[in-house]
Amino acid sequence: MCRHYLSKGKREGRYWLVGDVRNTPGRSMFVRLTGPESGKGAAGKWTDAASAEHGDLLDVIRARCGLVDFRQVADEARSFLSLPRPEPDPPPKSRPGKAPSGSPEAARRLFAMAQPIGRTIVETHLRNRAITALHETGSLRFHPRCYYRPEGHGPTETWPAMIAAVTDLGGVQTGAHRTWLLPDGSDKAPVDTPRRAMGHLLGHGVRFGVADDILAAGEGIETVLSARSGLPRMPMMAALSAAHLSAILFPASLRRLYIVRDSDPAGDGARDSLVERARGVGIEAAVLSPVRGDFNEDLRQRGIDAVRAALRVQIAPEDVARFMEE
C-alpha cells in the first residue's frame, strides 16, 4: 500500500518514510511496516513529525484519493486488495438511546450537552491566547466534565473541554472536536492528546459566520479565530488539520477563497493542494501568511494592530472595507 499510495517515499528499516499523507517528497511522515495487527505499535500506523498528524492506512487512502465518507474509503481499500464487496452487516446491538462511540450522532449529542462559552473557562482560555473577537462563535461550547480515554489501558479521566461543532455546507453537524483544558482555563489539560475529533470530518469544518462568495479557511480553531480578529466580518472555517484543509468542500456560490496558512511543511502542502483545487473549479485563491509560525503566535507576540496591518495588504482592495470594519 505504501508503494502504491505513498510512491514518493521509500523504505528504511521497519518504516516507510515520505513527506506527508498527500505523498509529498520528504522524510517527516513515517509508516510502521511491522507490528501487531491492532493496538499500540500496530503495522500501518503512521505519524507526521512535522504536523503531529497520525492515523492508519485508511486515513492515507482518504487523504490521497480526496474521499469524503468512510464507505468510499472502504470501497477503495477493497478494490486495492481485490476483495469482494461484503454483504451488509446487521445493525449493531447497542443499549437503547446510546449512540455508537465516535459516530456523528455521538458528536451531536456531546455538543447538545455542552453550554455556550460566555463566562466559562473556554472564554478564559481563548482570551489567554489573545483572542477577544468572539462574535459568531456559536459553533463552540463548553463541557465541564468531558471524558478523556487514554490510549491503551489507562483509566478514563474527566476534564473541562471546549467542544466545537463540525458541520457540512448545509449546516448539518457531522462531527465534533474536543480540546481538554485545565480547570482554570490557563492552558490545555496535561494529557497525551489534548485535542481529538469524532464523527465525519473530511470536507467539513468548524464555521464562524456564513459563507457566500468569500471564505477564509485554515487549520486550527485558534489560528482561524486569530485571523478573524483582524478580519471580523469575514466568514471563516477551521478544517482542524492540514490534510483536512486540503480537502474542504467549496460552497456553490464561492468565488474567492483565502487560505489562512500555517508556516510549516504541512501547512505549505495544504496551501498548494487547496490552491490547485480551487483554481481548477474557477475559484480565485489567495494565501494569508503570518509573520511568525501562525496567526495566533502573531496575535500574542505582535498584537492586534500588527495583525490587522499584515492582513490589510494581503486581501483584495474591495474586501478591506467589506470585512475589516468593526
Foldseek 3Di string as FASTA:
>chain_A
DCCVLQVLWDDDPQWTAAQDLQNHHDGQKIFGQDDDCDAPPHHQWMARNFFRDIDGVLVSQCLNVLDFDSVVSVVVVCVVVVHDDDDDDDDDDDDPPDDPPLALVVQVVVLVPFAQCPPALQCVLLVLLVQDLCPQQPQKTKDAWDWDDAGDDDDIGTAIWIKGFKAALVRHGFKIKIAGPHRNSNGGDPDPDRIDMGGGQAQIFRKRDRDAAEEEEEADPSLFSLLCLQFVAHIYTHSNGLSSLLSHDDDPRYAEYEYFAFPTPSRVVSLVSNCVVQVVVNHHYFYQYDPDGGSSVCCVPVNNVVSNVSVCVRDDVVSCVVGRDD
